[in-house]
Structure formats: C-alpha cells, structure tokens
Amino acid sequence: MDIFTYEFFIRALIGGILIGLAAPLLGIFLVLRRLSMIGDTLAHVSIAGVALGLLINIYPLFVGLLFAVVASFAIEKLRKAYKTYAELSIAIMMSGGVALASLLFTMGKGFNINVQSYLFGSILTLDWMDVGVTLLVTVIVIGFIAAYYKELFLLVFDEDAASVSGLPMRSLNLMMTILTALVISVAIKIVGALLVSALVTVPAACSLVLSRSFKQTIFISMLVAEIAVIGGLITAGLWDTAPGATIVLALITMLGISLFVKRGVRT
C-alpha cells in the first residue's frame, strides 16, 4: 500500500501504537476505580493549555501537558476536600477547563483552525517532536505500572486493605493522576480532546467483558487498542476519513463484537 511510503503516515503509525499501549494500560486502573470521566476532564483542561500555547507562540502540546499536570494536582486536592463526594472534583475541573478554553479561544480567533486539530485529532500532522514526547510518556507509564504493579492491584481491588498495609496511598493516587494527565495531553493530537476518553475507557470495557483474570484484562485492553489504532489509521489512509473518528468508531465496533461474543458464550 502506498500510504506506508509516506513519512507522515509512519509518524502517525508510531505515535498511535505508542499511545495505544499507554492509554488502555492506565485506563484499566481508572475504570476499576470508577474514575473513567477523569480523561474527559483533563482533556478539556489540556485544550485550554493548547489554546494558551498557540496564543503566546509556545509549543502547544507542552503547555497543554503543563495545564493537565497542574489540574491533576488540583483534582487530588479537591478529592480530599470532598471525600464523600469525590466525583465533584472532576466536575469542577471540567467546568473550569471548558470555561478557560472558551475564554482563550475568543482571545485568539486567528488560531481557531489550528485548535480544530486538537479538538478532533490530527494524527497525520504529528512531527518527530510529538512522537518523541509520546514515546517518553509511554515509557514512563509502562515503567511505573511495572514497578508498582502489586501495589496498584491492591489499591484497585481493596483500597482499605491497601491503606491498612501501609502503602503510600497519597503518592500512588497522585502519580496515577499525573500519568493520566500526561497520557491525555499527548493523546489529544491523535484522537482529539472530544474523543480521547474513548481510547482510555473503551479498550477497558472490551477487556472486562472478555477476560478471566486481571493480567488478561490488561493484555486484551492493549490488544484491542492497538488493533483499533492500526486498523483505523489504515482505513483512514485508504478511504480519506478522519483518523481520530475512525479509530474511535473501530473501538466502539470492537466493543459491540465483544458484547455479542460474550452473550453467545453464555447462551
């Protein structure tokens, strides 16, 4: 296929494969802890950072990443302030992110076209710096999960036992939120801020339907994400469709197939 001869497509493929490892890997832990919506929240905050980066002519992805990391600290602070209603922290930060992004959009009407690529994804415009940042974030995520796998497993399935056993709950929670911020920030240029949570949650949803163990859940979620990313990119390249939307629709299709297969096995 001719599309594999183009450097921009190879960059897109590498970036997609990398984020296809990091996003579902974190997504499993987020979904099991009922924090699925944190992806949407951090994506909206990242877009505000991207808008500011475009406004002041600084690498937008870097500014978006900084905004998302700061927001992750704020979410943890708010979760402690509202322990009984922890989901309030996510709702508050999402509202603030949308409001700030809207304000910055109106201040820089000249870059609205560039912002569209971050809202809806523009994986085919990735440059080597974007790929390098995505690689760095992916390595950090995989390294953290590998180093603290047992602690995170206990934290997900029995938070009370994790607290009693003396695990550094505060540090682990904060690191998970920060890593989520990093992944979301680099993923918004791949599938867009409006679709990025699908890359975090839908592979997890597929794997939870099909898997029989926690390790199997992690493996299946990453496999589903990679199939959707690679298949979606090739389809978009051949049929000239929106890459981000094609990837997400591939994920939704795979979820439908997973549910159908599970139902067939039960019957």
Protein backbone atom coordinates (compact mmCIF):
# COMPACT_ATOMS: atom_id res chain seq x y z
CA MET A 1 0.00 0.00 0.00
CA ASP A 2 1.29 3.42 -0.98
CA ILE A 3 0.39 5.02 2.35
CA PHE A 4 3.29 3.19 4.04
CA THR A 5 5.74 5.04 1.81
CA TYR A 6 4.81 8.42 3.30
CA GLU A 7 6.83 9.64 6.27
CA PHE A 8 3.86 11.44 7.84
CA PHE A 9 1.90 8.16 7.90
CA ILE A 10 4.80 6.30 9.52
CA ARG A 11 4.99 9.00 12.21
CA ALA A 12 1.24 8.71 12.76
CA LEU A 13 1.50 4.92 12.99
CA ILE A 14 4.34 5.06 15.55
CA GLY A 15 2.54 7.68 17.64
CA GLY A 16 -0.70 5.70 17.51
CA ILE A 17 0.96 2.43 18.51
CA LEU A 18 2.67 4.12 21.46
CA ILE A 19 -0.47 5.77 22.81
CA GLY A 20 -2.31 2.51 22.14
CA LEU A 21 -0.09 0.96 24.81
CA ALA A 22 -0.18 3.73 27.42
CA ALA A 23 -3.84 4.81 27.32
CA PRO A 24 -5.53 1.42 27.88
CA LEU A 25 -2.86 0.38 30.39
CA LEU A 26 -3.83 3.32 32.60
CA GLY A 27 -7.46 3.01 31.58
CA ILE A 28 -7.89 -0.35 33.29
CA PHE A 29 -6.91 1.10 36.67
CA LEU A 30 -9.05 4.22 36.14
CA VAL A 31 -12.16 2.26 35.11
CA LEU A 32 -11.86 -0.17 38.02
CA ARG A 33 -11.55 2.77 40.41
CA ARG A 34 -14.60 4.43 38.81
CA LEU A 35 -12.59 7.38 37.52
CA SER A 36 -13.48 6.98 33.85
CA MET A 37 -14.52 10.62 33.45
CA ILE A 38 -11.14 11.97 34.54
CA GLY A 39 -9.93 11.56 30.96
CA ASP A 40 -12.55 13.97 29.62
CA THR A 41 -11.77 16.44 32.39
CA LEU A 42 -8.03 16.53 31.77
CA ALA A 43 -8.60 16.69 28.01
CA HIS A 44 -10.65 19.87 28.39
CA VAL A 45 -8.01 21.40 30.66
CA SER A 46 -5.30 20.41 28.15
CA ILE A 47 -7.19 22.17 25.37
CA ALA A 48 -7.08 25.37 27.44
CA GLY A 49 -3.31 24.94 27.65
CA VAL A 50 -3.07 24.29 23.92
CA ALA A 51 -5.03 27.48 23.26
CA LEU A 52 -2.68 29.45 25.51
CA GLY A 53 0.35 27.92 23.77
CA LEU A 54 -0.97 28.99 20.39
CA LEU A 55 -1.78 32.44 21.76
CA ILE A 56 1.73 33.07 23.15
CA ASN A 57 3.52 31.08 20.41
CA ILE A 58 4.92 28.29 22.62
CA TYR A 59 4.81 24.56 21.71
CA PRO A 60 1.06 23.93 22.33
CA LEU A 61 1.37 20.28 23.37
CA PHE A 62 3.88 21.21 26.09
CA VAL A 63 1.64 23.95 27.53
CA GLY A 64 -1.35 21.61 27.39
CA LEU A 65 0.68 18.99 29.25
CA LEU A 66 1.58 21.51 31.97
CA PHE A 67 -2.06 22.52 32.35
CA ALA A 68 -3.13 18.89 32.68
CA VAL A 69 -0.48 18.14 35.32
CA VAL A 70 -1.49 21.20 37.37
CA ALA A 71 -5.12 20.11 37.04
CA SER A 72 -4.20 16.64 38.30
CA PHE A 73 -2.80 18.17 41.49
CA ALA A 74 -5.96 20.26 41.87
CA ILE A 75 -8.17 17.19 41.40
CA GLU A 76 -6.34 15.36 44.18
CA LYS A 77 -6.71 18.37 46.50
CA LEU A 78 -10.44 18.61 45.76
CA ARG A 79 -10.92 14.87 46.24
CA LYS A 80 -9.55 15.22 49.76
CA ALA A 81 -11.74 18.23 50.46
CA TYR A 82 -14.86 16.33 49.31
CA LYS A 83 -14.11 12.77 50.38
CA THR A 84 -17.77 11.72 50.40
CA TYR A 85 -18.42 13.35 47.03
CA ALA A 86 -15.09 12.76 45.28
CA GLU A 87 -16.66 13.00 41.81
CA LEU A 88 -17.23 16.71 42.46
CA SER A 89 -13.53 17.33 41.87
CA ILE A 90 -13.84 16.00 38.32
CA ALA A 91 -16.96 18.06 37.58
CA ILE A 92 -15.40 21.25 38.95
CA MET A 93 -12.18 20.89 36.97
CA MET A 94 -14.04 20.06 33.77
CA SER A 95 -16.18 23.19 34.12
CA GLY A 96 -13.10 25.31 34.76
CA GLY A 97 -11.24 23.79 31.82
CA VAL A 98 -14.10 24.42 29.38
CA ALA A 99 -14.55 27.99 30.63
CA LEU A 100 -10.83 28.81 30.35
CA ALA A 101 -10.55 27.22 26.91
CA SER A 102 -13.56 29.20 25.67
CA LEU A 103 -12.05 32.42 27.00
CA LEU A 104 -8.70 31.78 25.31
CA PHE A 105 -10.43 30.85 22.05
CA THR A 106 -12.13 34.24 21.93
CA MET A 107 -8.82 35.97 22.67
CA GLY A 108 -7.06 34.27 19.76
CA LYS A 109 -9.57 33.96 16.95
CA GLY A 110 -6.74 33.73 14.44
CA PHE A 111 -5.68 30.25 15.54
CA ASN A 112 -9.14 28.64 15.54
CA ILE A 113 -8.16 26.46 12.58
CA ASN A 114 -5.17 25.06 14.48
CA VAL A 115 -7.32 24.40 17.54
CA GLN A 116 -9.63 22.18 15.45
CA SER A 117 -6.81 19.66 15.08
CA TYR A 118 -6.60 19.34 18.87
CA LEU A 119 -10.36 19.15 19.34
CA PHE A 120 -10.94 16.43 16.75
CA GLY A 121 -7.45 14.96 16.39
CA SER A 122 -4.84 15.33 13.70
CA ILE A 123 -2.63 12.30 13.95
CA LEU A 124 -1.38 12.69 10.37
CA THR A 125 0.24 16.02 11.30
CA LEU A 126 2.40 14.57 14.08
CA ASP A 127 6.03 15.65 13.82
CA TRP A 128 9.02 13.83 15.29
CA MET A 129 8.91 16.00 18.42
CA ASP A 130 5.33 14.85 19.05
CA VAL A 131 6.39 11.24 18.54
CA GLY A 132 9.33 11.72 20.93
CA VAL A 133 7.09 13.18 23.64
CA THR A 134 4.62 10.32 23.17
CA LEU A 135 7.45 7.77 23.44
CA LEU A 136 8.72 9.37 26.65
CA VAL A 137 5.26 9.36 28.24
CA THR A 138 4.65 5.74 27.20
CA VAL A 139 7.95 4.59 28.71
CA ILE A 140 7.17 6.43 31.97
CA VAL A 141 3.70 4.86 32.18
CA ILE A 142 4.89 1.32 31.47
CA GLY A 143 7.81 1.74 33.90
CA PHE A 144 5.55 2.99 36.69
CA ILE A 145 2.96 0.23 36.22
CA ALA A 146 5.69 -2.43 36.13
CA ALA A 147 7.40 -1.07 39.25
CA TYR A 148 4.22 -0.71 41.33
CA TYR A 149 2.04 -3.43 39.84
CA LYS A 150 1.30 -5.25 43.13
CA GLU A 151 0.60 -2.02 45.00
CA LEU A 152 -1.73 -0.74 42.27
CA PHE A 153 -3.51 -4.10 42.11
CA LEU A 154 -4.27 -3.91 45.83
CA LEU A 155 -5.24 -0.25 45.57
CA VAL A 156 -7.77 -1.02 42.83
CA PHE A 157 -9.47 -4.01 44.42
CA ASP A 158 -9.23 -3.23 48.13
CA GLU A 159 -8.37 0.37 48.96
CA ASP A 160 -9.00 -0.15 52.68
CA ALA A 161 -6.57 -3.08 52.82
CA ALA A 162 -4.03 -1.03 50.86
CA SER A 163 -4.31 1.78 53.41
CA VAL A 164 -4.00 -0.57 56.39
CA SER A 165 -0.99 -2.33 54.89
CA GLY A 166 0.92 0.94 54.89
CA LEU A 167 1.05 1.63 51.17
CA PRO A 168 1.81 5.27 50.23
CA MET A 169 -1.77 5.88 49.13
CA ARG A 170 -1.35 9.61 48.65
CA SER A 171 1.71 9.23 46.44
CA LEU A 172 0.22 6.42 44.37
CA ASN A 173 -3.04 8.29 43.78
CA LEU A 174 -1.16 11.43 42.80
CA MET A 175 1.16 9.59 40.43
CA MET A 176 -1.76 7.85 38.73
CA THR A 177 -3.50 11.17 38.21
CA ILE A 178 -0.33 12.84 36.89
CA LEU A 179 0.35 9.95 34.49
CA THR A 180 -3.24 10.18 33.27
CA ALA A 181 -2.68 13.88 32.62
CA LEU A 182 0.45 13.10 30.59
CA VAL A 183 -1.27 10.43 28.52
CA ILE A 184 -4.33 12.57 27.83
CA SER A 185 -2.15 15.52 26.83
CA VAL A 186 -0.23 13.60 24.19
CA ALA A 187 -3.31 11.70 23.01
CA ILE A 188 -5.41 14.77 22.18
CA LYS A 189 -3.47 15.38 18.96
CA ILE A 190 -4.02 11.76 17.98
CA VAL A 191 -7.78 11.34 18.51
CA GLY A 192 -8.76 14.82 19.73
CA ALA A 193 -9.91 16.17 23.08
CA LEU A 194 -13.53 15.36 22.32
CA LEU A 195 -12.75 11.68 21.69
CA VAL A 196 -9.71 10.98 23.84
CA SER A 197 -11.56 9.33 26.72
CA ALA A 198 -12.64 6.57 24.32
CA LEU A 199 -9.01 5.47 23.96
CA VAL A 200 -8.79 5.19 27.75
CA THR A 201 -12.13 3.58 28.57
CA VAL A 202 -13.42 1.54 25.60
CA PRO A 203 -10.48 -0.94 25.46
CA ALA A 204 -11.01 -1.49 29.19
CA ALA A 205 -14.71 -2.08 28.59
CA CYS A 206 -13.90 -4.69 25.93
CA SER A 207 -11.39 -6.50 28.09
CA LEU A 208 -13.66 -6.57 31.15
CA VAL A 209 -16.24 -8.40 29.05
CA LEU A 210 -13.82 -10.98 27.63
CA SER A 211 -11.10 -11.54 30.24
CA ARG A 212 -10.96 -14.00 33.13
CA SER A 213 -8.06 -12.55 35.12
CA PHE A 214 -6.57 -9.14 35.83
CA LYS A 215 -3.43 -9.73 33.77
CA GLN A 216 -5.59 -10.97 30.91
CA THR A 217 -7.67 -7.80 31.21
CA ILE A 218 -4.58 -5.63 30.78
CA PHE A 219 -3.34 -7.64 27.79
CA ILE A 220 -6.72 -7.67 26.00
CA SER A 221 -7.27 -3.94 26.55
CA MET A 222 -3.92 -3.07 24.95
CA LEU A 223 -4.52 -5.55 22.11
CA VAL A 224 -7.93 -4.03 21.39
CA ALA A 225 -6.47 -0.51 21.38
CA GLU A 226 -3.65 -1.47 19.01
CA ILE A 227 -5.99 -3.22 16.58
CA ALA A 228 -8.29 -0.18 16.57
CA VAL A 229 -5.44 2.31 16.15
CA ILE A 230 -3.65 0.44 13.37
CA GLY A 231 -6.86 -0.62 11.61
CA GLY A 232 -8.37 2.85 11.99
CA LEU A 233 -5.28 4.57 10.60
CA ILE A 234 -5.03 2.28 7.59
CA THR A 235 -8.75 2.66 6.90
CA ALA A 236 -8.50 6.45 7.21
CA GLY A 237 -5.48 6.49 4.91
CA LEU A 238 -7.19 4.39 2.23
CA TRP A 239 -10.65 5.94 2.39
CA ASP A 240 -9.63 9.50 3.31
CA THR A 241 -11.71 9.63 6.52
CA ALA A 242 -10.98 11.45 9.80
CA PRO A 243 -8.32 9.30 11.55
CA GLY A 244 -9.37 10.08 15.14
CA ALA A 245 -13.04 9.40 14.49
CA THR A 246 -12.21 6.23 12.54
CA ILE A 247 -10.11 4.89 15.43
CA VAL A 248 -12.87 5.57 17.96
CA LEU A 249 -15.55 4.01 15.75
CA ALA A 250 -13.29 0.95 15.39
CA LEU A 251 -13.13 0.76 19.20
CA ILE A 252 -16.92 1.01 19.51
CA THR A 253 -17.32 -1.70 16.86
CA MET A 254 -14.95 -3.99 18.77
CA LEU A 255 -16.90 -3.36 21.97
CA GLY A 256 -20.10 -4.37 20.19
CA ILE A 257 -18.43 -7.54 18.92
CA SER A 258 -17.10 -8.30 22.42
CA LEU A 259 -20.57 -8.00 23.95
CA PHE A 260 -22.05 -10.16 21.18
CA VAL A 261 -19.38 -12.84 21.68
CA LYS A 262 -19.88 -12.81 25.45
CA ARG A 263 -23.64 -13.16 25.04
CA GLY A 264 -23.13 -16.03 22.61
CA VAL A 265 -20.85 -17.85 25.05
CA ARG A 266 -23.40 -17.50 27.86
CA THR A 267 -26.21 -18.90 25.74
